[in-house]
């Protein structure tokens, strides 16, 4: 099985495998690099979704 990586919200570190409480983890991610950028990606997704929601509201 391929390694899975998680971003720990308590420690702001990347973890490999099933070590910590999943309630404090984001993931899984396929690579260490992807997990390391989890918060940046989450922020970008939120910005994109907010813009889409705003556009939908303007169309109504």
PDB file of N, CA and C in Angstrom:
ATOM      1  N   UNK A   1       0.845  -1.185   0.000  1.00  0.00           N
ATOM      2  CA  UNK A   1       0.000   0.000   0.000  1.00  0.00           C
ATOM      3  C   UNK A   1       0.889   1.247   0.000  1.00  0.00           C
ATOM      4  N   UNK A   2       0.492   2.229  -0.754  1.00  0.00           N
ATOM      5  CA  UNK A   2       1.253   3.477  -0.843  1.00  0.00           C
ATOM      6  C   UNK A   2       1.159   4.245   0.472  1.00  0.00           C
ATOM      7  N   UNK A   3       2.183   4.999   0.756  1.00  0.00           N
ATOM      8  CA  UNK A   3       2.198   5.814   1.973  1.00  0.00           C
ATOM      9  C   UNK A   3       1.134   6.897   1.881  1.00  0.00           C
ATOM     10  N   UNK A   4       0.558   7.212   3.020  1.00  0.00           N
ATOM     11  CA  UNK A   4      -0.389   8.319   3.116  1.00  0.00           C
ATOM     12  C   UNK A   4       0.204   9.346   4.062  1.00  0.00           C
ATOM     13  N   UNK A   5      -0.001  10.605   3.734  1.00  0.00           N
ATOM     14  CA  UNK A   5       0.525  11.696   4.548  1.00  0.00           C
ATOM     15  C   UNK A   5      -0.633  12.545   5.053  1.00  0.00           C
ATOM     16  N   UNK A   6      -0.467  13.063   6.250  1.00  0.00           N
ATOM     17  CA  UNK A   6      -1.497  13.849   6.919  1.00  0.00           C
ATOM     18  C   UNK A   6      -0.880  15.141   7.430  1.00  0.00           C
ATOM     19  N   UNK A   7      -1.664  16.217   7.475  1.00  0.00           N
ATOM     20  CA  UNK A   7      -1.211  17.462   8.077  1.00  0.00           C
ATOM     21  C   UNK A   7      -1.846  17.571   9.448  1.00  0.00           C
ATOM     22  N   UNK A   8      -1.017  17.677  10.490  1.00  0.00           N
ATOM     23  CA  UNK A   8      -1.497  17.756  11.867  1.00  0.00           C
ATOM     24  C   UNK A   8      -1.763  19.222  12.208  1.00  0.00           C
ATOM     25  N   UNK A   9      -3.016  19.535  12.502  1.00  0.00           N
ATOM     26  CA  UNK A   9      -3.415  20.905  12.802  1.00  0.00           C
ATOM     27  C   UNK A   9      -2.924  21.369  14.166  1.00  0.00           C
ATOM     28  N   UNK A  10      -2.642  20.450  15.076  1.00  0.00           N
ATOM     29  CA  UNK A  10      -2.131  20.823  16.401  1.00  0.00           C
ATOM     30  C   UNK A  10      -0.657  21.194  16.363  1.00  0.00           C
ATOM     31  N   UNK A  11       0.116  20.439  15.602  1.00  0.00           N
ATOM     32  CA  UNK A  11       1.565  20.637  15.583  1.00  0.00           C
ATOM     33  C   UNK A  11       2.062  21.344  14.324  1.00  0.00           C
ATOM     34  N   UNK A  12       1.166  21.517  13.341  1.00  0.00           N
ATOM     35  CA  UNK A  12       1.532  22.113  12.046  1.00  0.00           C
ATOM     36  C   UNK A  12       2.674  21.359  11.386  1.00  0.00           C
ATOM     37  N   UNK A  13       2.604  20.043  11.471  1.00  0.00           N
ATOM     38  CA  UNK A  13       3.618  19.198  10.851  1.00  0.00           C
ATOM     39  C   UNK A  13       2.954  18.131   9.998  1.00  0.00           C
ATOM     40  N   UNK A  14       3.732  17.569   9.097  1.00  0.00           N
ATOM     41  CA  UNK A  14       3.270  16.472   8.259  1.00  0.00           C
ATOM     42  C   UNK A  14       3.607  15.160   8.953  1.00  0.00           C
ATOM     43  N   UNK A  15       2.652  14.234   8.938  1.00  0.00           N
ATOM     44  CA  UNK A  15       2.849  12.914   9.518  1.00  0.00           C
ATOM     45  C   UNK A  15       2.601  11.858   8.452  1.00  0.00           C
ATOM     46  N   UNK A  16       3.292  10.765   8.570  1.00  0.00           N
ATOM     47  CA  UNK A  16       3.095   9.642   7.657  1.00  0.00           C
ATOM     48  C   UNK A  16       2.389   8.523   8.409  1.00  0.00           C
ATOM     49  N   UNK A  17       1.364   7.950   7.778  1.00  0.00           N
ATOM     50  CA  UNK A  17       0.678   6.807   8.364  1.00  0.00           C
ATOM     51  C   UNK A  17      -0.379   7.192   9.385  1.00  0.00           C
ATOM     52  N   UNK A  18      -0.794   6.193  10.144  1.00  0.00           N
ATOM     53  CA  UNK A  18      -1.894   6.343  11.109  1.00  0.00           C
ATOM     54  C   UNK A  18      -1.372   6.548  12.519  1.00  0.00           C
ATOM     55  N   UNK A  19      -0.779   7.692  12.800  1.00  0.00           N
ATOM     56  CA  UNK A  19      -0.213   7.892  14.122  1.00  0.00           C
ATOM     57  C   UNK A  19      -1.097   8.668  15.073  1.00  0.00           C
ATOM     58  N   UNK A  20      -1.623   9.790  14.650  1.00  0.00           N
ATOM     59  CA  UNK A  20      -2.332  10.705  15.543  1.00  0.00           C
ATOM     60  C   UNK A  20      -3.847  10.573  15.435  1.00  0.00           C
ATOM     61  N   UNK A  21      -4.501  11.257  16.345  1.00  0.00           N
ATOM     62  CA  UNK A  21      -5.955  11.344  16.362  1.00  0.00           C
ATOM     63  C   UNK A  21      -6.427  12.019  15.074  1.00  0.00           C
ATOM     64  N   UNK A  22      -7.256  11.333  14.326  1.00  0.00           N
ATOM     65  CA  UNK A  22      -7.712  11.842  13.023  1.00  0.00           C
ATOM     66  C   UNK A  22      -8.517  13.134  13.141  1.00  0.00           C
ATOM     67  N   UNK A  23      -9.034  13.433  14.319  1.00  0.00           N
ATOM     68  CA  UNK A  23      -9.800  14.664  14.498  1.00  0.00           C
ATOM     69  C   UNK A  23      -8.924  15.897  14.321  1.00  0.00           C
ATOM     70  N   UNK A  24      -7.602  15.729  14.428  1.00  0.00           N
ATOM     71  CA  UNK A  24      -6.679  16.856  14.328  1.00  0.00           C
ATOM     72  C   UNK A  24      -5.849  16.808  13.050  1.00  0.00           C
ATOM     73  N   UNK A  25      -6.274  15.978  12.106  1.00  0.00           N
ATOM     74  CA  UNK A  25      -5.508  15.796  10.878  1.00  0.00           C
ATOM     75  C   UNK A  25      -6.309  16.186   9.650  1.00  0.00           C
ATOM     76  N   UNK A  26      -5.603  16.710   8.649  1.00  0.00           N
ATOM     77  CA  UNK A  26      -6.179  16.933   7.323  1.00  0.00           C
ATOM     78  C   UNK A  26      -5.529  15.913   6.403  1.00  0.00           C
ATOM     79  N   UNK A  27      -6.340  15.289   5.569  1.00  0.00           N
ATOM     80  CA  UNK A  27      -5.779  14.314   4.643  1.00  0.00           C
ATOM     81  C   UNK A  27      -6.685  13.109   4.529  1.00  0.00           C
ATOM     82  N   UNK A  28      -6.214  12.084   3.915  1.00  0.00           N
ATOM     83  CA  UNK A  28      -4.823  11.838   3.552  1.00  0.00           C
ATOM     84  C   UNK A  28      -4.435  12.508   2.230  1.00  0.00           C
ATOM     85  N   UNK A  29      -3.138  12.699   2.077  1.00  0.00           N
ATOM     86  CA  UNK A  29      -2.548  13.242   0.862  1.00  0.00           C
ATOM     87  C   UNK A  29      -1.593  12.210   0.286  1.00  0.00           C
ATOM     88  N   UNK A  30      -1.419  12.207  -1.019  1.00  0.00           N
ATOM     89  CA  UNK A  30      -0.581  11.182  -1.649  1.00  0.00           C
ATOM     90  C   UNK A  30       0.918  11.410  -1.474  1.00  0.00           C
ATOM     91  N   UNK A  31       1.311  12.665  -1.186  1.00  0.00           N
ATOM     92  CA  UNK A  31       2.729  12.969  -1.045  1.00  0.00           C
ATOM     93  C   UNK A  31       2.955  13.856   0.174  1.00  0.00           C
ATOM     94  N   UNK A  32       4.193  13.859   0.643  1.00  0.00           N
ATOM     95  CA  UNK A  32       4.589  14.739   1.745  1.00  0.00           C
ATOM     96  C   UNK A  32       4.357  16.196   1.345  1.00  0.00           C
ATOM     97  N   UNK A  33       4.750  16.531   0.134  1.00  0.00           N
ATOM     98  CA  UNK A  33       4.634  17.905  -0.366  1.00  0.00           C
ATOM     99  C   UNK A  33       3.181  18.379  -0.369  1.00  0.00           C
ATOM    100  N   UNK A  34       2.271  17.536  -0.827  1.00  0.00           N
ATOM    101  CA  UNK A  34       0.849  17.904  -0.842  1.00  0.00           C
ATOM    102  C   UNK A  34       0.340  18.144   0.576  1.00  0.00           C
ATOM    103  N   UNK A  35       0.739  17.297   1.510  1.00  0.00           N
ATOM    104  CA  UNK A  35       0.320  17.471   2.902  1.00  0.00           C
ATOM    105  C   UNK A  35       0.910  18.744   3.497  1.00  0.00           C
ATOM    106  N   UNK A  36       2.144  19.058   3.131  1.00  0.00           N
ATOM    107  CA  UNK A  36       2.801  20.251   3.655  1.00  0.00           C
ATOM    108  C   UNK A  36       2.078  21.525   3.231  1.00  0.00           C
ATOM    109  N   UNK A  37       1.356  21.466   2.121  1.00  0.00           N
ATOM    110  CA  UNK A  37       0.632  22.632   1.611  1.00  0.00           C
ATOM    111  C   UNK A  37      -0.880  22.529   1.861  1.00  0.00           C
ATOM    112  N   UNK A  38      -1.268  21.709   2.803  1.00  0.00           N
ATOM    113  CA  UNK A  38      -2.690  21.470   3.073  1.00  0.00           C
ATOM    114  C   UNK A  38      -3.440  22.751   3.429  1.00  0.00           C
ATOM    115  N   UNK A  39      -2.882  23.553   4.307  1.00  0.00           N
ATOM    116  CA  UNK A  39      -3.575  24.781   4.711  1.00  0.00           C
ATOM    117  C   UNK A  39      -3.668  25.778   3.565  1.00  0.00           C
ATOM    118  N   UNK A  40      -2.618  25.878   2.775  1.00  0.00           N
ATOM    119  CA  UNK A  40      -2.651  26.770   1.616  1.00  0.00           C
ATOM    120  C   UNK A  40      -3.715  26.328   0.623  1.00  0.00           C
ATOM    121  N   UNK A  41      -3.805  25.022   0.393  1.00  0.00           N
ATOM    122  CA  UNK A  41      -4.803  24.504  -0.540  1.00  0.00           C
ATOM    123  C   UNK A  41      -6.210  24.706   0.000  1.00  0.00           C
ATOM    124  N   UNK A  42      -6.389  24.496   1.298  1.00  0.00           N
ATOM    125  CA  UNK A  42      -7.705  24.708   1.908  1.00  0.00           C
ATOM    126  C   UNK A  42      -8.122  26.177   1.775  1.00  0.00           C
ATOM    127  N   UNK A  43      -7.184  27.084   1.984  1.00  0.00           N
ATOM    128  CA  UNK A  43      -7.480  28.512   1.847  1.00  0.00           C
ATOM    129  C   UNK A  43      -7.850  28.849   0.402  1.00  0.00           C
ATOM    130  N   UNK A  44      -7.095  28.316  -0.542  1.00  0.00           N
ATOM    131  CA  UNK A  44      -7.384  28.564  -1.960  1.00  0.00           C
ATOM    132  C   UNK A  44      -8.755  28.012  -2.337  1.00  0.00           C
ATOM    133  N   UNK A  45      -9.082  26.823  -1.842  1.00  0.00           N
ATOM    134  CA  UNK A  45     -10.402  26.241  -2.119  1.00  0.00           C
ATOM    135  C   UNK A  45     -11.510  27.113  -1.553  1.00  0.00           C
ATOM    136  N   UNK A  46     -11.335  27.594  -0.327  1.00  0.00           N
ATOM    137  CA  UNK A  46     -12.344  28.439   0.302  1.00  0.00           C
ATOM    138  C   UNK A  46     -12.542  29.720  -0.485  1.00  0.00           C
ATOM    139  N   UNK A  47     -11.446  30.340  -0.912  1.00  0.00           N
ATOM    140  CA  UNK A  47     -11.547  31.559  -1.723  1.00  0.00           C
ATOM    141  C   UNK A  47     -12.303  31.286  -3.024  1.00  0.00           C
ATOM    142  N   UNK A  48     -11.983  30.183  -3.685  1.00  0.00           N
ATOM    143  CA  UNK A  48     -12.640  29.836  -4.947  1.00  0.00           C
ATOM    144  C   UNK A  48     -14.127  29.578  -4.724  1.00  0.00           C
ATOM    145  N   UNK A  49     -14.459  28.821  -3.682  1.00  0.00           N
ATOM    146  CA  UNK A  49     -15.864  28.516  -3.419  1.00  0.00           C
ATOM    147  C   UNK A  49     -16.647  29.767  -3.042  1.00  0.00           C
ATOM    148  N   UNK A  50     -16.028  30.666  -2.268  1.00  0.00           N
ATOM    149  CA  UNK A  50     -16.694  31.920  -1.920  1.00  0.00           C
ATOM    150  C   UNK A  50     -16.977  32.741  -3.172  1.00  0.00           C
ATOM    151  N   UNK A  51     -16.020  32.792  -4.089  1.00  0.00           N
ATOM    152  CA  UNK A  51     -16.214  33.528  -5.335  1.00  0.00           C
ATOM    153  C   UNK A  51     -17.326  32.905  -6.172  1.00  0.00           C
ATOM    154  N   UNK A  52     -17.362  31.576  -6.220  1.00  0.00           N
ATOM    155  CA  UNK A  52     -18.430  30.889  -6.961  1.00  0.00           C
ATOM    156  C   UNK A  52     -19.789  31.178  -6.340  1.00  0.00           C
ATOM    157  N   UNK A  53     -19.855  31.152  -4.993  1.00  0.00           N
ATOM    158  CA  UNK A  53     -21.115  31.458  -4.312  1.00  0.00           C
ATOM    159  C   UNK A  53     -21.567  32.880  -4.607  1.00  0.00           C
ATOM    160  N   UNK A  54     -20.628  33.814  -4.588  1.00  0.00           N
ATOM    161  CA  UNK A  54     -20.958  35.212  -4.871  1.00  0.00           C
ATOM    162  C   UNK A  54     -21.469  35.364  -6.302  1.00  0.00           C
ATOM    163  N   UNK A  55     -20.832  34.682  -7.236  1.00  0.00           N
ATOM    164  CA  UNK A  55     -21.261  34.739  -8.642  1.00  0.00           C
ATOM    165  C   UNK A  55     -22.668  34.155  -8.778  1.00  0.00           C
ATOM    166  N   UNK A  56     -22.929  33.076  -8.074  1.00  0.00           N
ATOM    167  CA  UNK A  56     -24.270  32.460  -8.128  1.00  0.00           C
ATOM    168  C   UNK A  56     -25.317  33.423  -7.579  1.00  0.00           C
ATOM    169  N   UNK A  57     -24.981  34.139  -6.511  1.00  0.00           N
ATOM    170  CA  UNK A  57     -25.927  35.089  -5.914  1.00  0.00           C
ATOM    171  C   UNK A  57     -26.218  36.245  -6.876  1.00  0.00           C
ATOM    172  N   UNK A  58     -25.208  36.684  -7.608  1.00  0.00           N
ATOM    173  CA  UNK A  58     -25.390  37.781  -8.546  1.00  0.00           C
ATOM    174  C   UNK A  58     -26.251  37.372  -9.731  1.00  0.00           C
ATOM    175  N   UNK A  59     -26.259  36.097 -10.071  1.00  0.00           N
ATOM    176  CA  UNK A  59     -27.066  35.601 -11.193  1.00  0.00           C
ATOM    177  C   UNK A  59     -28.543  35.496 -10.847  1.00  0.00           C
ATOM    178  N   UNK A  60     -28.855  35.510  -9.588  1.00  0.00           N
ATOM    179  CA  UNK A  60     -30.256  35.344  -9.168  1.00  0.00           C
ATOM    180  C   UNK A  60     -31.019  36.614  -9.221  1.00  0.00           C
TER     181      UNK A  60
END
